[in-house]
Amino acid sequence: WDHVNLGKDFAIEVARVEMLIPALLFCVLASGFINPKANLAGNHGPMIPLIGTIALAGAHPLALAILIGVFGLLLSFLKGGSKLVNLTSEGTAGGLLIFLGLTGTMSQINSIQEWAVGLQSSTVEAGSMGYVGLIVLAVTIALYAFLAKVNKRWLAIPVCAFTGLIIALVLGAGFDIKFVTETGLPNLNPVYWWGSTEEGWMLGLPNMEHFIASLPFAILAVAMWSPDFLGHRIFQELNYPKKTEKVLMDVDDTMT
């Protein structure tokens, strides 16, 4: 794709589309109200490290999405998702959950420390406030342990996020976020995104070669759904409050 040049403006537009379509339509409305037993739409975690390989193989994003959608609907109709889950042990799912959780945790710890070390102002020397990140981490870990003890782990994200913000401000981190992106709605015309080699993804519509190149990755994505699903299901069972069994995710509803 020598002609493709996707910059900051493209990333902003994609983020806006994702907040409207996957987040609002599928996460909030579909999974929140229409069918609470369907897992939230989102990036398939185990596939993220393969993005570079997928691109180098000549796969087309739209072709890959279409194939995954078709396979998902077929598995949902034939109850194949349930069969795949039955073939996957909870140990496999637990191992995947631990691996993804560990890598995610290490990444976030590094990000917090990079942020803390980078804090500076006219009165604060760069690198002198690394302790802020350590204190925020320690307090939030202790707070999570307390919430787990009182069976309120489902409150962990909002409570820990708010507490971390307050602690950082009290310790002098400052609130210097600058909003430089103008408000507005993204272009929701599919032709803009996929029908041109000059706009949107700049890839045009996929051809048969793109579908063939995307096929192995679509099969891999669907094959990894069952352990990924079980990992999320276990996380739900551990963290959801009592009497929420009716909203624990169902694999066939999720694939639909």
C-alpha atoms as a PDB file:
ATOM      1  CA  TRP A   1       0.000   0.000   0.000  1.00  0.00           C
ATOM      2  CA  ASP A   2       2.613   2.534  -1.111  1.00  0.00           C
ATOM      3  CA  HIS A   3       0.048   5.290  -1.697  1.00  0.00           C
ATOM      4  CA  VAL A   4      -1.503   5.053   1.773  1.00  0.00           C
ATOM      5  CA  ASN A   5      -0.674   7.934   4.109  1.00  0.00           C
ATOM      6  CA  LEU A   6      -2.867   7.944   7.204  1.00  0.00           C
ATOM      7  CA  GLY A   7      -2.184  10.801   9.603  1.00  0.00           C
ATOM      8  CA  LYS A   8      -3.538  12.357  12.778  1.00  0.00           C
ATOM      9  CA  ASP A   9      -6.782  13.576  11.211  1.00  0.00           C
ATOM     10  CA  PHE A  10      -7.557  10.049  10.022  1.00  0.00           C
ATOM     11  CA  ALA A  11      -6.991   8.634  13.519  1.00  0.00           C
ATOM     12  CA  ILE A  12      -9.339  11.254  14.988  1.00  0.00           C
ATOM     13  CA  GLU A  13     -12.073  10.404  12.472  1.00  0.00           C
ATOM     14  CA  VAL A  14     -11.709   6.664  13.128  1.00  0.00           C
ATOM     15  CA  ALA A  15     -11.940   7.235  16.884  1.00  0.00           C
ATOM     16  CA  ARG A  16     -15.132   9.239  16.404  1.00  0.00           C
ATOM     17  CA  VAL A  17     -16.674   6.520  14.250  1.00  0.00           C
ATOM     18  CA  GLU A  18     -15.769   3.903  16.863  1.00  0.00           C
ATOM     19  CA  MET A  19     -17.356   5.964  19.632  1.00  0.00           C
ATOM     20  CA  LEU A  20     -20.585   6.268  17.653  1.00  0.00           C
ATOM     21  CA  ILE A  21     -20.948   2.840  16.028  1.00  0.00           C
ATOM     22  CA  PRO A  22     -19.173   0.150  18.116  1.00  0.00           C
ATOM     23  CA  ALA A  23     -19.370   1.995  21.448  1.00  0.00           C
ATOM     24  CA  LEU A  24     -22.807   3.646  21.365  1.00  0.00           C
ATOM     25  CA  LEU A  25     -24.700   1.292  19.056  1.00  0.00           C
ATOM     26  CA  PHE A  26     -23.240  -2.083  20.010  1.00  0.00           C
ATOM     27  CA  CYS A  27     -21.828  -1.662  23.537  1.00  0.00           C
ATOM     28  CA  VAL A  28     -24.413   0.657  25.090  1.00  0.00           C
ATOM     29  CA  LEU A  29     -27.595  -0.113  23.158  1.00  0.00           C
ATOM     30  CA  ALA A  30     -27.145  -3.683  21.873  1.00  0.00           C
ATOM     31  CA  SER A  31     -25.239  -5.242  24.785  1.00  0.00           C
ATOM     32  CA  GLY A  32     -26.581  -2.909  27.460  1.00  0.00           C
ATOM     33  CA  PHE A  33     -30.301  -2.936  26.696  1.00  0.00           C
ATOM     34  CA  ILE A  34     -31.308  -5.086  23.705  1.00  0.00           C
ATOM     35  CA  ASN A  35     -29.365  -8.243  24.626  1.00  0.00           C
ATOM     36  CA  PRO A  36     -27.363  -8.005  27.880  1.00  0.00           C
ATOM     37  CA  LYS A  37     -26.107 -11.578  27.405  1.00  0.00           C
ATOM     38  CA  ALA A  38     -23.992 -10.540  24.425  1.00  0.00           C
ATOM     39  CA  ASN A  39     -20.419  -9.550  25.224  1.00  0.00           C
ATOM     40  CA  LEU A  40     -19.335  -6.005  24.446  1.00  0.00           C
ATOM     41  CA  ALA A  41     -18.075  -5.276  20.965  1.00  0.00           C
ATOM     42  CA  GLY A  42     -14.401  -4.367  20.843  1.00  0.00           C
ATOM     43  CA  ASN A  43     -10.929  -5.233  19.636  1.00  0.00           C
ATOM     44  CA  HIS A  44     -10.072  -8.925  19.819  1.00  0.00           C
ATOM     45  CA  GLY A  45      -7.132  -8.728  22.225  1.00  0.00           C
ATOM     46  CA  PRO A  46      -5.127 -11.766  21.037  1.00  0.00           C
ATOM     47  CA  MET A  47      -5.244 -10.458  17.447  1.00  0.00           C
ATOM     48  CA  ILE A  48      -3.752  -7.038  18.226  1.00  0.00           C
ATOM     49  CA  PRO A  49      -0.101  -8.249  18.140  1.00  0.00           C
ATOM     50  CA  LEU A  50      -0.791  -9.702  14.681  1.00  0.00           C
ATOM     51  CA  ILE A  51      -1.885  -6.425  13.071  1.00  0.00           C
ATOM     52  CA  GLY A  52       1.521  -5.883  11.462  1.00  0.00           C
ATOM     53  CA  THR A  53       1.610  -9.443  10.144  1.00  0.00           C
ATOM     54  CA  ILE A  54      -1.923  -9.115   8.770  1.00  0.00           C
ATOM     55  CA  ALA A  55      -0.960  -5.949   6.896  1.00  0.00           C
ATOM     56  CA  LEU A  56       2.248  -7.474   5.508  1.00  0.00           C
ATOM     57  CA  ALA A  57       0.282 -10.504   4.297  1.00  0.00           C
ATOM     58  CA  GLY A  58      -1.798  -8.231   2.076  1.00  0.00           C
ATOM     59  CA  ALA A  59      -5.052  -8.642   3.977  1.00  0.00           C
ATOM     60  CA  HIS A  60      -7.736  -5.979   3.588  1.00  0.00           C
ATOM     61  CA  PRO A  61      -9.479  -4.680   6.768  1.00  0.00           C
ATOM     62  CA  LEU A  62     -12.933  -4.761   5.174  1.00  0.00           C
ATOM     63  CA  ALA A  63     -12.406  -8.253   3.737  1.00  0.00           C
ATOM     64  CA  LEU A  64     -11.225  -9.487   7.131  1.00  0.00           C
ATOM     65  CA  ALA A  65     -14.221  -7.913   8.867  1.00  0.00           C
ATOM     66  CA  ILE A  66     -16.679  -9.432   6.372  1.00  0.00           C
ATOM     67  CA  LEU A  67     -15.186 -12.911   6.751  1.00  0.00           C
ATOM     68  CA  ILE A  68     -15.199 -12.733  10.546  1.00  0.00           C
ATOM     69  CA  GLY A  69     -18.800 -11.501  10.471  1.00  0.00           C
ATOM     70  CA  VAL A  70     -19.900 -14.344   8.189  1.00  0.00           C
ATOM     71  CA  PHE A  71     -18.116 -16.979  10.290  1.00  0.00           C
ATOM     72  CA  GLY A  72     -19.569 -15.516  13.473  1.00  0.00           C
ATOM     73  CA  LEU A  73     -23.134 -15.571  12.145  1.00  0.00           C
ATOM     74  CA  LEU A  74     -22.721 -19.146  10.888  1.00  0.00           C
ATOM     75  CA  LEU A  75     -21.391 -20.308  14.248  1.00  0.00           C
ATOM     76  CA  SER A  76     -24.204 -18.501  16.028  1.00  0.00           C
ATOM     77  CA  PHE A  77     -26.868 -20.071  13.784  1.00  0.00           C
ATOM     78  CA  LEU A  78     -25.361 -23.561  14.107  1.00  0.00           C
ATOM     79  CA  LYS A  79     -24.580 -23.147  17.839  1.00  0.00           C
ATOM     80  CA  GLY A  80     -20.952 -23.712  16.949  1.00  0.00           C
ATOM     81  CA  GLY A  81     -19.783 -21.224  19.547  1.00  0.00           C
ATOM     82  CA  SER A  82     -21.120 -23.394  22.359  1.00  0.00           C
ATOM     83  CA  LYS A  83     -19.379 -26.429  20.864  1.00  0.00           C
ATOM     84  CA  LEU A  84     -16.064 -24.578  20.657  1.00  0.00           C
ATOM     85  CA  VAL A  85     -16.413 -23.439  24.265  1.00  0.00           C
ATOM     86  CA  ASN A  86     -17.046 -27.027  25.371  1.00  0.00           C
ATOM     87  CA  LEU A  87     -13.795 -28.037  23.667  1.00  0.00           C
ATOM     88  CA  THR A  88     -11.863 -25.327  25.512  1.00  0.00           C
ATOM     89  CA  SER A  89     -10.926 -26.017  29.115  1.00  0.00           C
ATOM     90  CA  GLU A  90     -11.279 -23.384  31.807  1.00  0.00           C
ATOM     91  CA  GLY A  91      -7.560 -23.801  32.423  1.00  0.00           C
ATOM     92  CA  THR A  92      -6.803 -22.620  28.903  1.00  0.00           C
ATOM     93  CA  ALA A  93      -9.128 -19.657  29.316  1.00  0.00           C
ATOM     94  CA  GLY A  94      -7.666 -18.847  32.719  1.00  0.00           C
ATOM     95  CA  GLY A  95      -4.134 -18.986  31.350  1.00  0.00           C
ATOM     96  CA  LEU A  96      -5.060 -16.651  28.508  1.00  0.00           C
ATOM     97  CA  LEU A  97      -6.744 -14.276  30.946  1.00  0.00           C
ATOM     98  CA  ILE A  98      -3.682 -14.251  33.209  1.00  0.00           C
ATOM     99  CA  PHE A  99      -1.340 -13.652  30.263  1.00  0.00           C
ATOM    100  CA  LEU A 100      -3.394 -10.803  28.817  1.00  0.00           C
ATOM    101  CA  GLY A 101      -3.968  -9.345  32.276  1.00  0.00           C
ATOM    102  CA  LEU A 102      -0.261  -9.463  33.104  1.00  0.00           C
ATOM    103  CA  THR A 103       0.848  -7.868  29.840  1.00  0.00           C
ATOM    104  CA  GLY A 104      -1.843  -5.196  30.166  1.00  0.00           C
ATOM    105  CA  THR A 105      -0.881  -4.498  33.776  1.00  0.00           C
ATOM    106  CA  MET A 106       2.823  -4.148  32.956  1.00  0.00           C
ATOM    107  CA  SER A 107       2.000  -1.823  30.078  1.00  0.00           C
ATOM    108  CA  GLN A 108      -0.157   0.397  32.291  1.00  0.00           C
ATOM    109  CA  ILE A 109       2.441   0.494  35.077  1.00  0.00           C
ATOM    110  CA  ASN A 110       5.076   1.612  32.575  1.00  0.00           C
ATOM    111  CA  SER A 111       2.703   4.250  31.185  1.00  0.00           C
ATOM    112  CA  ILE A 112       1.911   5.627  34.646  1.00  0.00           C
ATOM    113  CA  GLN A 113       5.581   5.856  35.559  1.00  0.00           C
ATOM    114  CA  GLU A 114       6.484   7.513  32.253  1.00  0.00           C
ATOM    115  CA  TRP A 115       3.732  10.064  32.904  1.00  0.00           C
ATOM    116  CA  ALA A 116       4.879  10.694  36.478  1.00  0.00           C
ATOM    117  CA  VAL A 117       8.558  11.040  35.557  1.00  0.00           C
ATOM    118  CA  GLY A 118       7.637  13.413  32.738  1.00  0.00           C
ATOM    119  CA  LEU A 119       5.767  15.862  34.984  1.00  0.00           C
ATOM    120  CA  GLN A 120       7.405  19.280  35.013  1.00  0.00           C
ATOM    121  CA  SER A 121       6.624  22.972  35.343  1.00  0.00           C
ATOM    122  CA  SER A 122       8.398  26.238  36.057  1.00  0.00           C
ATOM    123  CA  THR A 123       8.903  25.135  39.660  1.00  0.00           C
ATOM    124  CA  VAL A 124       9.144  21.370  39.186  1.00  0.00           C
ATOM    125  CA  GLU A 125      12.126  19.723  37.548  1.00  0.00           C
ATOM    126  CA  ALA A 126      11.428  16.915  35.076  1.00  0.00           C
ATOM    127  CA  GLY A 127      11.983  13.497  36.639  1.00  0.00           C
ATOM    128  CA  SER A 128      11.501  14.686  40.219  1.00  0.00           C
ATOM    129  CA  MET A 129       7.890  13.508  40.634  1.00  0.00           C
ATOM    130  CA  GLY A 130       8.228   9.827  39.842  1.00  0.00           C
ATOM    131  CA  TYR A 131       6.940   9.059  43.324  1.00  0.00           C
ATOM    132  CA  VAL A 132       3.475  10.310  42.297  1.00  0.00           C
ATOM    133  CA  GLY A 133       2.979   7.305  40.035  1.00  0.00           C
ATOM    134  CA  LEU A 134       4.109   4.886  42.746  1.00  0.00           C
ATOM    135  CA  ILE A 135       1.727   6.403  45.309  1.00  0.00           C
ATOM    136  CA  VAL A 136      -1.197   6.316  42.871  1.00  0.00           C
ATOM    137  CA  LEU A 137      -0.462   2.664  42.085  1.00  0.00           C
ATOM    138  CA  ALA A 138      -0.131   1.686  45.750  1.00  0.00           C
ATOM    139  CA  VAL A 139      -3.354   3.424  46.803  1.00  0.00           C
ATOM    140  CA  THR A 140      -5.408   2.039  43.922  1.00  0.00           C
ATOM    141  CA  ILE A 141      -4.141  -1.508  44.559  1.00  0.00           C
ATOM    142  CA  ALA A 142      -5.066  -1.204  48.238  1.00  0.00           C
ATOM    143  CA  LEU A 143      -8.441   0.260  47.298  1.00  0.00           C
ATOM    144  CA  TYR A 144      -9.126  -2.590  44.885  1.00  0.00           C
ATOM    145  CA  ALA A 145      -8.225  -5.129  47.575  1.00  0.00           C
ATOM    146  CA  PHE A 146     -10.692  -3.447  49.937  1.00  0.00           C
ATOM    147  CA  LEU A 147     -13.465  -3.447  47.320  1.00  0.00           C
ATOM    148  CA  ALA A 148     -12.798  -7.130  46.651  1.00  0.00           C
ATOM    149  CA  LYS A 149     -13.062  -7.900  50.356  1.00  0.00           C
ATOM    150  CA  VAL A 150     -16.467  -6.200  50.649  1.00  0.00           C
ATOM    151  CA  ASN A 151     -17.699  -7.782  47.374  1.00  0.00           C
ATOM    152  CA  LYS A 152     -17.802  -4.459  45.520  1.00  0.00           C
ATOM    153  CA  ARG A 153     -15.225  -5.172  42.826  1.00  0.00           C
ATOM    154  CA  TRP A 154     -17.653  -3.988  40.165  1.00  0.00           C
ATOM    155  CA  LEU A 155     -17.031  -0.456  41.493  1.00  0.00           C
ATOM    156  CA  ALA A 156     -13.262  -0.742  41.045  1.00  0.00           C
ATOM    157  CA  ILE A 157     -12.879   1.137  37.747  1.00  0.00           C
ATOM    158  CA  PRO A 158     -14.787   4.361  38.599  1.00  0.00           C
ATOM    159  CA  VAL A 159     -13.664   4.462  42.244  1.00  0.00           C
ATOM    160  CA  CYS A 160      -9.980   3.788  41.515  1.00  0.00           C
ATOM    161  CA  ALA A 161      -9.940   6.193  38.556  1.00  0.00           C
ATOM    162  CA  PHE A 162     -11.470   9.033  40.587  1.00  0.00           C
ATOM    163  CA  THR A 163      -9.220   8.329  43.583  1.00  0.00           C
ATOM    164  CA  GLY A 164      -6.110   8.240  41.391  1.00  0.00           C
ATOM    165  CA  LEU A 165      -7.050  11.597  39.848  1.00  0.00           C
ATOM    166  CA  ILE A 166      -7.581  13.239  43.245  1.00  0.00           C
ATOM    167  CA  ILE A 167      -4.298  11.870  44.644  1.00  0.00           C
ATOM    168  CA  ALA A 168      -2.340  13.038  41.595  1.00  0.00           C
ATOM    169  CA  LEU A 169      -3.824  16.546  41.840  1.00  0.00           C
ATOM    170  CA  VAL A 170      -3.171  16.766  45.582  1.00  0.00           C
ATOM    171  CA  LEU A 171       0.462  15.723  45.070  1.00  0.00           C
ATOM    172  CA  GLY A 172       0.937  18.528  42.554  1.00  0.00           C
ATOM    173  CA  ALA A 173       0.540  16.768  39.217  1.00  0.00           C
ATOM    174  CA  GLY A 174      -1.622  19.579  37.874  1.00  0.00           C
ATOM    175  CA  PHE A 175      -4.430  19.436  35.331  1.00  0.00           C
ATOM    176  CA  ASP A 176      -2.844  20.658  32.130  1.00  0.00           C
ATOM    177  CA  ILE A 177      -4.872  18.745  29.545  1.00  0.00           C
ATOM    178  CA  LYS A 178      -5.280  20.770  26.367  1.00  0.00           C
ATOM    179  CA  PHE A 179      -8.182  20.005  24.048  1.00  0.00           C
ATOM    180  CA  VAL A 180      -6.954  20.713  20.528  1.00  0.00           C
ATOM    181  CA  THR A 181      -9.463  18.674  18.516  1.00  0.00           C
ATOM    182  CA  GLU A 182     -12.567  20.500  17.393  1.00  0.00           C
ATOM    183  CA  THR A 183     -15.936  18.957  18.148  1.00  0.00           C
ATOM    184  CA  GLY A 184     -17.951  17.451  15.328  1.00  0.00           C
ATOM    185  CA  LEU A 185     -19.437  14.328  13.809  1.00  0.00           C
ATOM    186  CA  PRO A 186     -17.371  11.964  11.643  1.00  0.00           C
ATOM    187  CA  ASN A 187     -18.106  11.078   8.054  1.00  0.00           C
ATOM    188  CA  LEU A 188     -20.483   8.090   8.200  1.00  0.00           C
ATOM    189  CA  ASN A 189     -20.622   7.474   4.454  1.00  0.00           C
ATOM    190  CA  PRO A 190     -19.247   3.955   3.739  1.00  0.00           C
ATOM    191  CA  VAL A 191     -18.134   5.100   0.276  1.00  0.00           C
ATOM    192  CA  TYR A 192     -15.825   7.655   1.914  1.00  0.00           C
ATOM    193  CA  TRP A 193     -14.142   4.983   4.027  1.00  0.00           C
ATOM    194  CA  TRP A 194     -13.987   2.053   1.608  1.00  0.00           C
ATOM    195  CA  GLY A 195     -14.876   3.208  -1.900  1.00  0.00           C
ATOM    196  CA  SER A 196     -11.881   5.397  -2.663  1.00  0.00           C
ATOM    197  CA  THR A 197      -8.106   5.200  -2.805  1.00  0.00           C
ATOM    198  CA  GLU A 198      -7.822   8.896  -1.950  1.00  0.00           C
ATOM    199  CA  GLU A 199     -10.114   9.179   1.088  1.00  0.00           C
ATOM    200  CA  GLY A 200     -10.831   7.177   4.223  1.00  0.00           C
ATOM    201  CA  TRP A 201      -8.649   4.097   4.454  1.00  0.00           C
ATOM    202  CA  MET A 202      -7.350   4.794   0.923  1.00  0.00           C
ATOM    203  CA  LEU A 203      -7.612   1.083   0.130  1.00  0.00           C
ATOM    204  CA  GLY A 204     -10.691   0.931  -2.060  1.00  0.00           C
ATOM    205  CA  LEU A 205     -12.967  -2.094  -2.108  1.00  0.00           C
ATOM    206  CA  PRO A 206     -11.378  -5.510  -1.506  1.00  0.00           C
ATOM    207  CA  ASN A 207     -10.931  -8.003  -4.334  1.00  0.00           C
ATOM    208  CA  MET A 208     -10.646 -11.790  -4.321  1.00  0.00           C
ATOM    209  CA  GLU A 209      -6.916 -11.673  -3.530  1.00  0.00           C
ATOM    210  CA  HIS A 210      -7.649  -9.616  -0.431  1.00  0.00           C
ATOM    211  CA  PHE A 211     -10.266 -12.120   0.746  1.00  0.00           C
ATOM    212  CA  ILE A 212      -7.859 -15.026   0.231  1.00  0.00           C
ATOM    213  CA  ALA A 213      -5.103 -13.199   2.144  1.00  0.00           C
ATOM    214  CA  SER A 214      -7.556 -12.377   4.955  1.00  0.00           C
ATOM    215  CA  LEU A 215      -9.043 -15.883   5.237  1.00  0.00           C
ATOM    216  CA  PRO A 216      -6.364 -17.484   7.511  1.00  0.00           C
ATOM    217  CA  PHE A 217      -6.556 -14.589   9.956  1.00  0.00           C
ATOM    218  CA  ALA A 218     -10.362 -14.703  10.002  1.00  0.00           C
ATOM    219  CA  ILE A 219     -10.247 -18.420  10.829  1.00  0.00           C
ATOM    220  CA  LEU A 220      -7.634 -17.759  13.527  1.00  0.00           C
ATOM    221  CA  ALA A 221      -9.746 -14.988  15.051  1.00  0.00           C
ATOM    222  CA  VAL A 222     -12.828 -17.201  15.232  1.00  0.00           C
ATOM    223  CA  ALA A 223     -10.806 -20.117  16.638  1.00  0.00           C
ATOM    224  CA  MET A 224      -9.507 -17.896  19.440  1.00  0.00           C
ATOM    225  CA  TRP A 225     -12.968 -16.632  20.351  1.00  0.00           C
ATOM    226  CA  SER A 226     -13.768 -19.533  22.679  1.00  0.00           C
ATOM    227  CA  PRO A 227     -10.834 -19.133  25.115  1.00  0.00           C
ATOM    228  CA  ASP A 228     -11.214 -15.362  24.911  1.00  0.00           C
ATOM    229  CA  PHE A 229     -14.932 -15.693  25.686  1.00  0.00           C
ATOM    230  CA  LEU A 230     -14.307 -18.047  28.604  1.00  0.00           C
ATOM    231  CA  GLY A 231     -11.703 -15.683  30.026  1.00  0.00           C
ATOM    232  CA  HIS A 232     -14.182 -12.807  29.967  1.00  0.00           C
ATOM    233  CA  ARG A 233     -16.933 -15.008  31.395  1.00  0.00           C
ATOM    234  CA  ILE A 234     -14.715 -16.037  34.318  1.00  0.00           C
ATOM    235  CA  PHE A 235     -13.895 -12.370  34.921  1.00  0.00           C
ATOM    236  CA  GLN A 236     -17.623 -11.584  34.974  1.00  0.00           C
ATOM    237  CA  GLU A 237     -18.367 -14.340  37.466  1.00  0.00           C
ATOM    238  CA  LEU A 238     -15.597 -13.107  39.760  1.00  0.00           C
ATOM    239  CA  ASN A 239     -16.503  -9.431  39.667  1.00  0.00           C
ATOM    240  CA  TYR A 240     -20.235  -9.071  39.059  1.00  0.00           C
ATOM    241  CA  PRO A 241     -22.474  -8.537  42.101  1.00  0.00           C
ATOM    242  CA  LYS A 242     -24.936 -11.192  43.236  1.00  0.00           C
ATOM    243  CA  LYS A 243     -28.182 -11.892  41.356  1.00  0.00           C
ATOM    244  CA  THR A 244     -26.714 -10.883  37.978  1.00  0.00           C
ATOM    245  CA  GLU A 245     -26.682 -14.371  36.463  1.00  0.00           C
ATOM    246  CA  LYS A 246     -29.128 -13.288  33.750  1.00  0.00           C
ATOM    247  CA  VAL A 247     -26.609 -10.864  32.242  1.00  0.00           C
ATOM    248  CA  LEU A 248     -23.589 -13.192  32.188  1.00  0.00           C
ATOM    249  CA  MET A 249     -22.500 -13.404  28.561  1.00  0.00           C
ATOM    250  CA  ASP A 250     -23.625 -16.173  26.229  1.00  0.00           C
ATOM    251  CA  VAL A 251     -21.213 -17.219  23.496  1.00  0.00           C
ATOM    252  CA  ASP A 252     -23.819 -17.661  20.751  1.00  0.00           C
ATOM    253  CA  ASP A 253     -25.459 -14.309  21.492  1.00  0.00           C
ATOM    254  CA  THR A 254     -22.012 -12.731  21.467  1.00  0.00           C
ATOM    255  CA  MET A 255     -21.166 -14.171  18.046  1.00  0.00           C
ATOM    256  CA  THR A 256     -24.449 -12.902  16.656  1.00  0.00           C
END
